Amino acid sequence: MWGRRRARRGGRSAEELRERRREREAALRRARRQEQLVSKRLLREDSPARQGGQEGADAVPEPLSEDEVLELLRGLQRGSEDRRRWLGRLRWALQNEDTQQKFVRLDGSIRTLTGLFTSSLAGLQLEAARCLHELSHSSVPAVAEACLPVTSYLLTYLSGHSLELTELCLYTLGNLVVESEAVRKQLLPQGIIPVLASCIQSPHEAVLEGVGYVLSQLLQAKEAPTEIIPLVLDSPLPQHMLRLLCSGLKTGMGAAVEFGWCLHYIICRHKDNAELLALGAVPALSSLLLDLASQIPQGTPEGLELCFLQQQPFLIHECLWLLNNLTADDPFFCSALLSLDLLPALLQLLPCSQMATVLVLTVLCNVAEKGPLWCQRLLQQPLLPQLLPLLTLPEPEAVGQCLELLHLLLLHCPEAAADFTRQGVHQALEQHQSTPELQERAQALLDMVRQPPGAPSACQATLAVFS
């Protein structure tokens, strides 16, 4: 099929090709948001062995039978002084999803657990909170919805005096809101946004990071643009997020990253960001970038200093995702990337990881698709020698993205074909002629490289292959 499409005269127009690229980039961004959306976090301070009296810290509990789960529930209901031990056994058992489902199906199970969670005895309350937290981590929506009756209590105890209980409640809420729209619709009228606005003023880093986690989960929900973001913007949350983000080096990088993503989701999914502008978001974030730059040791190599990034490796992917989003549809940011001479620093990130390689290439494609002037600026750098090794990688996604970048460069700068030949690009391309998912694109590029000057139709004929 690809061969017939490639042979068509003219192929797709450059604008159609850009539109398809935009669709793929949007899909990438959606995939990133969905990956964040379904992520859940689990706080387990104790080893499984201590929780359930089992042998081996890495032991995984086997599913319990219906009778065994019923025995645990009856142990909790008997009202004996041994209930804390029964809760510990239940918490261990609830690490198994099959057991979770059996437990929530038992009549009175969540009601009993809620009663212990609201107990005046701190030990019982904390153990019950840990059991609820295990349930919230389930990937089965019915388990999350079974926890609906306890959500109001989870909100109530966010204002308590126990730091551990507050943290448990935050991450339990964050896990629940991602799984179920019913949970989100119940929490909004219960006042989760004002409660989070109160919690964000806590002096404790663990609480701040938990607030950021819950809020980022809420802001990714499908109904966020109409039902959640307006409530957030009408609350004190944005001003506190900006304050904490800009003091992240003092209050904790984890919380700062969470709030950075929160602001990112708001900006991406909300058309009018006048509220954030009025709060001074632009100068505040600019100041943050300067503060981060000031942390880079003096005398290190020119560009984005990898000695810094090795201390915070997750920042590489976070920064590249943001850079991809900025450059995807905006020539201004593409031009800024080049005029600020950030390309050498960007190329340094190519070998960091497979994801970093794909993201760097995607950003470069965002720049290259803008036209001849941008491609000429890219080719002024020693770009080809750094791209050639990527064509030998065993990861088809990275190789495919590299092929697309080479195609864009030749499409807009056909005079570069001679340099491609000198650098040995055609030898690197020939090895992919037997790779099913890459052979059509590799052959199309070979045709472009070998095309004599003054025959632009070859470029047009390959457009469809890369769409």
Protein backbone atom coordinates (compact mmCIF):
# COMPACT_ATOMS: atom_id res chain seq x y z
CA MET A 1 0.00 0.00 0.00
CA TRP A 2 2.81 2.42 0.87
CA GLY A 3 4.51 1.71 -2.46
CA ARG A 4 1.38 2.73 -4.39
CA ARG A 5 0.98 5.87 -2.32
CA ARG A 6 4.62 6.86 -2.78
CA ALA A 7 4.39 6.51 -6.55
CA ARG A 8 1.51 8.98 -6.73
CA ARG A 9 2.56 12.27 -8.36
CA GLY A 10 2.62 15.15 -5.94
CA GLY A 11 1.55 13.21 -2.86
CA ARG A 12 0.16 15.17 0.04
CA SER A 13 0.76 18.89 0.34
CA ALA A 14 3.16 20.20 2.93
CA GLU A 15 0.22 21.63 4.87
CA GLU A 16 -1.51 18.23 4.94
CA LEU A 17 1.71 16.68 6.20
CA ARG A 18 1.97 19.27 8.96
CA GLU A 19 -1.65 18.61 9.92
CA ARG A 20 -0.97 14.90 10.27
CA ARG A 21 2.10 15.66 12.37
CA ARG A 22 0.04 17.90 14.61
CA GLU A 23 -2.46 15.08 15.08
CA ARG A 24 0.30 12.67 16.05
CA GLU A 25 1.82 15.19 18.45
CA ALA A 26 -1.58 15.77 20.02
CA ALA A 27 -1.90 12.00 20.43
CA LEU A 28 1.50 11.96 22.14
CA ARG A 29 0.41 14.66 24.53
CA ARG A 30 -2.87 12.86 25.20
CA ALA A 31 -0.93 9.67 25.89
CA ARG A 32 1.26 11.54 28.36
CA ARG A 33 -1.77 12.98 30.13
CA GLN A 34 -3.47 9.59 30.21
CA GLU A 35 -0.34 7.98 31.60
CA GLN A 36 -0.37 10.55 34.39
CA LEU A 37 -4.13 10.16 34.77
CA VAL A 38 -4.09 6.44 35.47
CA SER A 39 -1.01 6.61 37.68
CA LYS A 40 -1.58 5.86 41.34
CA ARG A 41 0.73 6.14 44.28
CA LEU A 42 1.03 3.80 47.20
CA LEU A 43 2.41 4.70 50.62
CA ARG A 44 3.71 1.61 52.39
CA GLU A 45 6.02 2.53 55.22
CA ASP A 46 6.06 -0.98 56.69
CA SER A 47 7.30 -4.07 54.94
CA PRO A 48 4.67 -6.67 54.00
CA ALA A 49 6.28 -9.06 56.48
CA ARG A 50 5.64 -6.71 59.41
CA GLN A 51 2.16 -5.83 58.16
CA GLY A 52 0.88 -9.36 57.98
CA GLY A 53 3.35 -11.42 59.91
CA GLN A 54 4.43 -13.15 56.69
CA GLU A 55 7.86 -14.45 55.81
CA GLY A 56 9.92 -12.34 53.40
CA ALA A 57 9.73 -8.61 52.89
CA ASP A 58 8.90 -9.00 49.19
CA ALA A 59 6.17 -11.61 49.64
CA VAL A 60 2.99 -11.11 47.62
CA PRO A 61 -0.22 -12.20 49.35
CA GLU A 62 -2.23 -14.98 47.78
CA PRO A 63 -5.95 -14.30 47.23
CA LEU A 64 -8.07 -15.21 50.20
CA SER A 65 -11.19 -17.34 49.94
CA GLU A 66 -14.63 -15.87 50.60
CA ASP A 67 -14.66 -17.54 54.04
CA GLU A 68 -11.23 -16.13 54.93
CA VAL A 69 -12.28 -12.61 53.95
CA LEU A 70 -15.48 -13.02 55.98
CA GLU A 71 -13.41 -14.14 58.96
CA LEU A 72 -11.35 -10.93 58.72
CA LEU A 73 -14.48 -8.81 58.60
CA ARG A 74 -15.97 -10.57 61.62
CA GLY A 75 -12.71 -10.07 63.48
CA LEU A 76 -13.05 -6.32 62.87
CA GLN A 77 -16.70 -6.33 63.95
CA ARG A 78 -16.28 -8.23 67.22
CA GLY A 79 -15.14 -5.12 69.04
CA SER A 80 -12.29 -6.86 70.83
CA GLU A 81 -9.06 -5.20 71.82
CA ASP A 82 -7.41 -7.23 69.07
CA ARG A 83 -8.96 -5.18 66.27
CA ARG A 84 -5.68 -3.45 65.41
CA ARG A 85 -4.11 -6.82 64.67
CA TRP A 86 -7.10 -7.75 62.51
CA LEU A 87 -6.69 -4.46 60.63
CA GLY A 88 -3.02 -5.24 60.04
CA ARG A 89 -3.95 -8.64 58.61
CA LEU A 90 -6.62 -7.02 56.44
CA ARG A 91 -4.19 -4.43 55.12
CA TRP A 92 -1.78 -7.18 54.10
CA ALA A 93 -4.57 -9.18 52.42
CA LEU A 94 -5.88 -6.12 50.53
CA GLN A 95 -2.67 -5.92 48.55
CA ASN A 96 -4.26 -8.62 46.42
CA GLU A 97 -6.87 -7.25 43.98
CA ASP A 98 -8.98 -10.40 44.06
CA THR A 99 -9.22 -10.11 47.83
CA GLN A 100 -10.10 -6.41 47.50
CA GLN A 101 -13.08 -7.23 45.33
CA LYS A 102 -14.28 -9.97 47.68
CA PHE A 103 -13.99 -7.60 50.63
CA VAL A 104 -15.98 -4.71 49.13
CA ARG A 105 -18.74 -7.11 48.05
CA LEU A 106 -19.33 -8.23 51.64
CA ASP A 107 -22.29 -6.52 53.28
CA GLY A 108 -21.14 -4.00 55.86
CA SER A 109 -17.43 -4.20 54.98
CA ILE A 110 -16.92 -0.53 54.02
CA ARG A 111 -19.27 0.58 56.80
CA THR A 112 -17.17 -1.31 59.36
CA LEU A 113 -13.94 0.07 57.96
CA THR A 114 -15.38 3.60 57.98
CA GLY A 115 -16.39 3.18 61.63
CA LEU A 116 -12.84 2.24 62.56
CA PHE A 117 -11.46 5.07 60.42
CA THR A 118 -13.55 7.55 62.42
CA SER A 119 -12.53 5.99 65.73
CA SER A 120 -11.25 8.18 68.54
CA LEU A 121 -8.37 5.72 69.00
CA ALA A 122 -5.48 7.02 66.90
CA GLY A 123 -3.92 3.59 66.34
CA LEU A 124 -7.12 2.06 64.98
CA GLN A 125 -7.80 5.12 62.87
CA LEU A 126 -4.37 5.00 61.23
CA GLU A 127 -4.57 1.26 60.48
CA ALA A 128 -8.05 1.71 58.97
CA ALA A 129 -6.71 4.58 56.86
CA ARG A 130 -3.98 2.29 55.54
CA CYS A 131 -6.60 -0.30 54.58
CA LEU A 132 -8.60 2.34 52.71
CA HIS A 133 -5.41 3.45 51.01
CA GLU A 134 -4.80 -0.11 49.77
CA LEU A 135 -8.34 -0.20 48.37
CA SER A 136 -7.84 3.15 46.62
CA HIS A 137 -4.87 1.71 44.74
CA SER A 138 -7.04 -0.91 43.02
CA SER A 139 -7.33 -0.76 39.24
CA VAL A 140 -10.94 -2.02 39.43
CA PRO A 141 -13.38 0.95 39.26
CA ALA A 142 -15.97 -0.87 41.38
CA VAL A 143 -13.53 -0.95 44.30
CA ALA A 144 -13.00 2.82 44.13
CA GLU A 145 -16.74 3.46 43.93
CA ALA A 146 -17.31 1.22 46.95
CA CYS A 147 -15.25 3.79 48.90
CA LEU A 148 -17.70 6.62 48.08
CA PRO A 149 -19.17 6.72 51.63
CA VAL A 150 -15.78 7.48 53.17
CA THR A 151 -14.80 10.43 50.98
CA SER A 152 -16.33 13.08 53.25
CA TYR A 153 -14.33 11.70 56.20
CA LEU A 154 -11.14 11.70 54.14
CA LEU A 155 -11.70 15.42 53.52
CA THR A 156 -12.45 16.05 57.19
CA TYR A 157 -9.22 14.48 58.42
CA LEU A 158 -7.11 16.59 56.06
CA SER A 159 -7.39 19.30 58.68
CA GLY A 160 -6.27 17.01 61.49
CA HIS A 161 -3.07 17.15 63.53
CA SER A 162 -1.54 13.85 62.42
CA LEU A 163 0.91 14.38 59.56
CA GLU A 164 0.90 10.69 58.62
CA LEU A 165 -2.90 10.52 58.57
CA THR A 166 -3.12 13.71 56.48
CA GLU A 167 -0.65 12.31 53.95
CA LEU A 168 -2.52 9.00 53.76
CA CYS A 169 -5.83 10.79 53.22
CA LEU A 170 -4.37 12.95 50.45
CA TYR A 171 -2.92 10.06 48.45
CA THR A 172 -6.06 7.98 49.02
CA LEU A 173 -8.16 10.81 47.59
CA GLY A 174 -5.74 11.24 44.69
CA ASN A 175 -6.03 7.54 43.85
CA LEU A 176 -9.83 7.58 44.11
CA VAL A 177 -10.49 10.64 41.93
CA VAL A 178 -8.50 9.24 39.03
CA GLU A 179 -10.51 6.02 38.86
CA SER A 180 -14.09 7.18 39.11
CA GLU A 181 -16.07 10.11 37.78
CA ALA A 182 -18.68 9.33 40.45
CA VAL A 183 -16.06 9.94 43.14
CA ARG A 184 -15.07 13.27 41.57
CA LYS A 185 -18.67 14.39 41.28
CA GLN A 186 -19.21 13.61 44.96
CA LEU A 187 -16.04 15.34 46.14
CA LEU A 188 -16.62 18.65 44.35
CA PRO A 189 -19.85 19.52 46.23
CA GLN A 190 -18.21 18.29 49.42
CA GLY A 191 -15.67 21.08 49.01
CA ILE A 192 -12.46 19.36 47.97
CA ILE A 193 -11.13 22.52 46.28
CA PRO A 194 -11.49 24.77 49.40
CA VAL A 195 -10.01 21.98 51.54
CA LEU A 196 -6.99 21.69 49.23
CA ALA A 197 -6.67 25.49 49.31
CA SER A 198 -6.38 25.21 53.10
CA CYS A 199 -3.92 22.28 52.98
CA ILE A 200 -1.63 24.06 50.54
CA GLN A 201 -0.74 26.50 53.33
CA SER A 202 0.78 23.66 55.39
CA PRO A 203 4.46 24.02 56.36
CA HIS A 204 5.07 20.30 55.74
CA GLU A 205 6.64 19.28 52.44
CA ALA A 206 4.93 15.85 52.47
CA VAL A 207 1.51 17.50 52.72
CA LEU A 208 2.32 19.99 49.95
CA GLU A 209 3.41 17.23 47.59
CA GLY A 210 0.25 15.30 48.40
CA VAL A 211 -1.89 18.36 47.65
CA GLY A 212 -0.13 18.72 44.31
CA TYR A 213 -0.78 15.06 43.53
CA VAL A 214 -4.52 15.27 44.26
CA LEU A 215 -4.88 18.51 42.34
CA SER A 216 -2.97 17.22 39.29
CA GLN A 217 -5.21 14.14 39.23
CA LEU A 218 -8.33 16.32 39.32
CA LEU A 219 -7.06 18.69 36.63
CA GLN A 220 -6.57 15.82 34.19
CA ALA A 221 -10.17 14.62 34.45
CA LYS A 222 -12.24 14.88 31.28
CA GLU A 223 -14.65 17.30 32.95
CA ALA A 224 -11.86 19.49 34.32
CA PRO A 225 -12.17 22.36 31.78
CA THR A 226 -15.82 23.00 32.63
CA GLU A 227 -16.24 21.80 36.22
CA ILE A 228 -12.88 21.82 38.02
CA ILE A 229 -10.54 24.43 36.54
CA PRO A 230 -13.01 27.33 37.08
CA LEU A 231 -13.30 26.36 40.76
CA VAL A 232 -9.51 26.19 41.08
CA LEU A 233 -9.04 29.61 39.45
CA ASP A 234 -11.65 31.13 41.78
CA SER A 235 -9.78 29.79 44.82
CA PRO A 236 -6.49 30.87 46.44
CA LEU A 237 -4.80 27.76 44.99
CA PRO A 238 -3.13 29.41 41.94
CA GLN A 239 -1.37 32.11 43.97
CA HIS A 240 -0.11 29.54 46.46
CA MET A 241 1.00 27.21 43.65
CA LEU A 242 3.02 29.99 42.05
CA ARG A 243 4.55 30.93 45.41
CA LEU A 244 5.53 27.35 46.20
CA LEU A 245 6.72 26.62 42.69
CA CYS A 246 9.04 29.60 42.81
CA SER A 247 10.39 28.58 46.21
CA GLY A 248 10.69 24.93 45.21
CA LEU A 249 14.41 24.80 45.86
CA LYS A 250 13.68 25.59 49.52
CA THR A 251 10.37 23.81 50.15
CA GLY A 252 11.06 20.70 48.10
CA MET A 253 11.51 19.86 44.42
CA GLY A 254 8.83 17.15 44.50
CA ALA A 255 6.07 19.55 45.47
CA ALA A 256 7.35 22.15 42.98
CA VAL A 257 7.17 19.64 40.12
CA GLU A 258 3.60 18.65 41.09
CA PHE A 259 2.47 22.28 41.09
CA GLY A 260 4.30 22.88 37.82
CA TRP A 261 2.25 20.14 36.22
CA CYS A 262 -0.93 21.56 37.78
CA LEU A 263 -0.29 24.94 36.14
CA HIS A 264 0.58 23.16 32.90
CA TYR A 265 -2.78 21.34 32.85
CA ILE A 266 -4.66 24.55 33.60
CA ILE A 267 -2.94 26.46 30.80
CA CYS A 268 -3.33 23.65 28.27
CA ARG A 269 -7.01 23.03 28.99
CA HIS A 270 -8.31 26.54 29.74
CA LYS A 271 -8.68 29.16 27.02
CA ASP A 272 -8.63 32.31 29.14
CA ASN A 273 -5.71 32.48 31.56
CA ALA A 274 -6.19 36.11 32.56
CA GLU A 275 -6.35 35.06 36.21
CA LEU A 276 -2.88 33.54 36.10
CA LEU A 277 -1.49 36.54 34.23
CA ALA A 278 -3.00 38.87 36.82
CA LEU A 279 -1.23 36.90 39.55
CA GLY A 280 2.09 37.60 37.85
CA ALA A 281 2.64 34.08 36.53
CA VAL A 282 4.98 35.18 33.73
CA PRO A 283 7.48 37.17 35.85
CA ALA A 284 7.24 34.59 38.64
CA LEU A 285 8.06 31.67 36.36
CA SER A 286 10.77 33.68 34.61
CA SER A 287 12.32 34.32 38.01
CA LEU A 288 12.14 30.61 38.75
CA LEU A 289 14.08 29.80 35.59
CA LEU A 290 16.76 32.28 36.62
CA ASP A 291 16.92 30.73 40.08
CA LEU A 292 17.34 27.26 38.56
CA ALA A 293 20.06 28.57 36.26
CA SER A 294 21.89 30.08 39.23
CA GLN A 295 22.17 26.61 40.78
CA ILE A 296 24.29 25.36 37.88
CA PRO A 297 27.95 25.22 38.94
CA GLN A 298 30.26 27.72 37.30
CA GLY A 299 32.87 26.50 34.85
CA THR A 300 30.81 23.63 33.46
CA PRO A 301 30.47 23.04 29.69
CA GLU A 302 28.45 25.56 27.72
CA GLY A 303 24.75 24.79 27.29
CA LEU A 304 22.23 23.01 29.48
CA GLU A 305 24.52 21.63 32.15
CA LEU A 306 24.14 17.86 32.52
CA CYS A 307 25.91 17.85 35.85
CA PHE A 308 22.82 19.49 37.15
CA LEU A 309 20.42 17.18 35.34
CA GLN A 310 22.08 14.05 36.72
CA GLN A 311 21.14 15.25 40.19
CA GLN A 312 17.47 15.50 39.13
CA PRO A 313 17.15 12.97 36.24
CA PHE A 314 13.34 13.21 36.03
CA LEU A 315 13.73 16.86 35.01
CA ILE A 316 15.07 15.78 31.61
CA HIS A 317 11.80 14.19 30.52
CA GLU A 318 9.67 16.85 32.20
CA CYS A 319 11.55 19.65 30.42
CA LEU A 320 11.49 17.88 27.07
CA TRP A 321 7.74 17.27 27.26
CA LEU A 322 7.20 20.94 28.00
CA LEU A 323 9.53 21.97 25.17
CA ASN A 324 7.66 19.66 22.79
CA ASN A 325 4.35 21.25 23.75
CA LEU A 326 5.75 24.77 23.32
CA THR A 327 7.31 24.16 19.92
CA ALA A 328 4.61 21.92 18.43
CA ASP A 329 2.51 24.67 16.85
CA ASP A 330 4.35 27.90 17.60
CA PRO A 331 7.10 29.35 15.35
CA PHE A 332 7.95 31.88 18.08
CA PHE A 333 9.21 29.22 20.48
CA CYS A 334 11.01 27.39 17.66
CA SER A 335 12.79 30.63 16.78
CA ALA A 336 13.58 31.26 20.45
CA LEU A 337 15.11 27.78 20.74
CA LEU A 338 17.55 28.66 17.97
CA SER A 339 18.21 32.30 18.80
CA LEU A 340 19.02 31.41 22.43
CA ASP A 341 21.50 28.83 21.10
CA LEU A 342 19.85 25.98 22.99
CA LEU A 343 20.33 23.45 20.22
CA PRO A 344 23.76 22.21 21.42
CA ALA A 345 22.32 21.66 24.88
CA LEU A 346 19.34 19.84 23.39
CA LEU A 347 21.59 17.54 21.38
CA GLN A 348 23.46 16.62 24.56
CA LEU A 349 20.26 15.00 25.82
CA LEU A 350 19.99 12.54 22.89
CA PRO A 351 21.79 9.65 24.63
CA CYS A 352 20.16 10.12 28.06
CA SER A 353 17.40 7.53 27.55
CA GLN A 354 15.14 6.08 24.88
CA MET A 355 12.33 8.47 25.82
CA ALA A 356 14.72 11.43 25.81
CA THR A 357 15.98 10.45 22.35
CA VAL A 358 12.45 10.35 20.91
CA LEU A 359 11.47 13.61 22.60
CA VAL A 360 14.57 15.50 21.44
CA LEU A 361 13.96 14.29 17.88
CA THR A 362 10.31 15.32 18.15
CA VAL A 363 11.31 18.84 19.23
CA LEU A 364 13.76 19.04 16.33
CA CYS A 365 10.99 17.92 13.96
CA ASN A 366 8.77 20.65 15.37
CA VAL A 367 11.46 23.15 14.39
CA ALA A 368 12.27 21.60 11.01
CA GLU A 369 8.67 21.51 9.83
CA LYS A 370 8.46 25.30 10.06
CA GLY A 371 10.32 25.64 6.76
CA PRO A 372 13.63 26.25 4.95
CA LEU A 373 15.00 28.98 7.22
CA TRP A 374 14.60 26.84 10.32
CA CYS A 375 16.12 23.80 8.58
CA GLN A 376 19.09 25.85 7.44
CA ARG A 377 19.67 26.95 11.03
CA LEU A 378 19.52 23.33 12.17
CA LEU A 379 21.98 22.21 9.50
CA GLN A 380 24.44 24.90 10.57
CA GLN A 381 24.98 22.78 13.68
CA PRO A 382 26.94 19.48 13.54
CA LEU A 383 23.57 17.74 13.41
CA LEU A 384 24.11 14.90 10.93
CA PRO A 385 27.06 13.27 12.77
CA GLN A 386 24.86 13.03 15.87
CA LEU A 387 21.86 11.66 13.98
CA LEU A 388 23.71 8.89 12.14
CA PRO A 389 24.34 6.72 15.24
CA LEU A 390 20.63 6.91 16.04
CA LEU A 391 19.82 5.09 12.81
CA THR A 392 21.57 2.02 14.21
CA LEU A 393 19.50 1.90 17.40
CA PRO A 394 17.29 -1.17 18.02
CA GLU A 395 14.28 1.02 18.94
CA PRO A 396 11.98 1.50 15.88
CA GLU A 397 10.29 4.53 17.43
CA ALA A 398 13.55 6.45 17.78
CA VAL A 399 14.74 5.41 14.32
CA GLY A 400 11.38 6.36 12.79
CA GLN A 401 11.49 9.79 14.41
CA CYS A 402 15.06 10.24 13.14
CA LEU A 403 13.93 9.32 9.61
CA GLU A 404 11.17 11.89 9.82
CA LEU A 405 13.63 14.60 10.87
CA LEU A 406 15.97 13.73 7.99
CA HIS A 407 13.02 13.83 5.61
CA LEU A 408 11.98 17.30 6.76
CA LEU A 409 15.54 18.59 6.42
CA LEU A 410 15.84 17.30 2.85
CA LEU A 411 12.33 18.40 1.96
CA HIS A 412 13.06 22.01 2.86
CA CYS A 413 16.79 22.03 2.03
CA PRO A 414 17.31 19.67 -0.95
CA GLU A 415 20.76 21.19 -1.44
CA ALA A 416 21.79 19.35 1.74
CA ALA A 417 21.66 16.02 -0.13
CA ALA A 418 25.36 16.32 -1.01
CA ASP A 419 26.28 16.71 2.66
CA PHE A 420 24.04 13.74 3.51
CA THR A 421 26.04 11.67 1.03
CA ARG A 422 29.42 12.84 2.41
CA GLN A 423 28.33 11.96 5.93
CA GLY A 424 27.34 8.44 4.83
CA VAL A 425 23.60 8.76 5.45
CA HIS A 426 22.76 6.46 2.54
CA GLN A 427 24.76 3.57 4.05
CA ALA A 428 22.89 4.00 7.33
CA LEU A 429 19.56 4.04 5.48
CA GLU A 430 20.28 0.94 3.45
CA GLN A 431 20.38 -1.23 6.56
CA HIS A 432 16.69 -0.52 7.18
CA GLN A 433 15.51 -1.72 3.77
CA SER A 434 14.72 -5.09 5.36
CA THR A 435 12.93 -3.65 8.42
CA PRO A 436 9.17 -3.86 7.64
CA GLU A 437 8.03 -0.83 9.63
CA LEU A 438 10.91 1.36 8.38
CA GLN A 439 11.81 0.15 4.90
CA GLU A 440 9.38 2.38 2.99
CA ARG A 441 10.57 5.56 4.71
CA ALA A 442 14.23 4.54 4.44
CA GLN A 443 13.85 3.88 0.71
CA ALA A 444 12.03 7.18 0.19
CA LEU A 445 14.89 9.03 1.85
CA LEU A 446 17.43 7.16 -0.24
CA ASP A 447 15.58 8.31 -3.36
CA MET A 448 15.73 11.90 -2.12
CA VAL A 449 19.46 11.70 -1.31
CA ARG A 450 20.27 10.23 -4.73
CA GLN A 451 18.01 12.60 -6.66
CA PRO A 452 20.01 14.91 -8.98
CA PRO A 453 19.72 18.68 -8.33
CA GLY A 454 16.87 20.45 -10.10
CA ALA A 455 14.32 17.62 -9.72
CA PRO A 456 12.01 18.73 -6.89
CA SER A 457 9.34 16.19 -7.72
CA ALA A 458 11.24 13.54 -5.79
CA CYS A 459 10.65 15.44 -2.58
CA GLN A 460 6.94 15.74 -3.29
CA ALA A 461 6.66 12.07 -4.13
CA THR A 462 7.86 11.08 -0.64
CA LEU A 463 5.42 13.24 1.35
CA ALA A 464 2.78 10.52 1.54
CA VAL A 465 5.25 7.98 2.95
CA PHE A 466 5.84 10.16 6.02
CA SER A 467 2.16 11.03 6.62
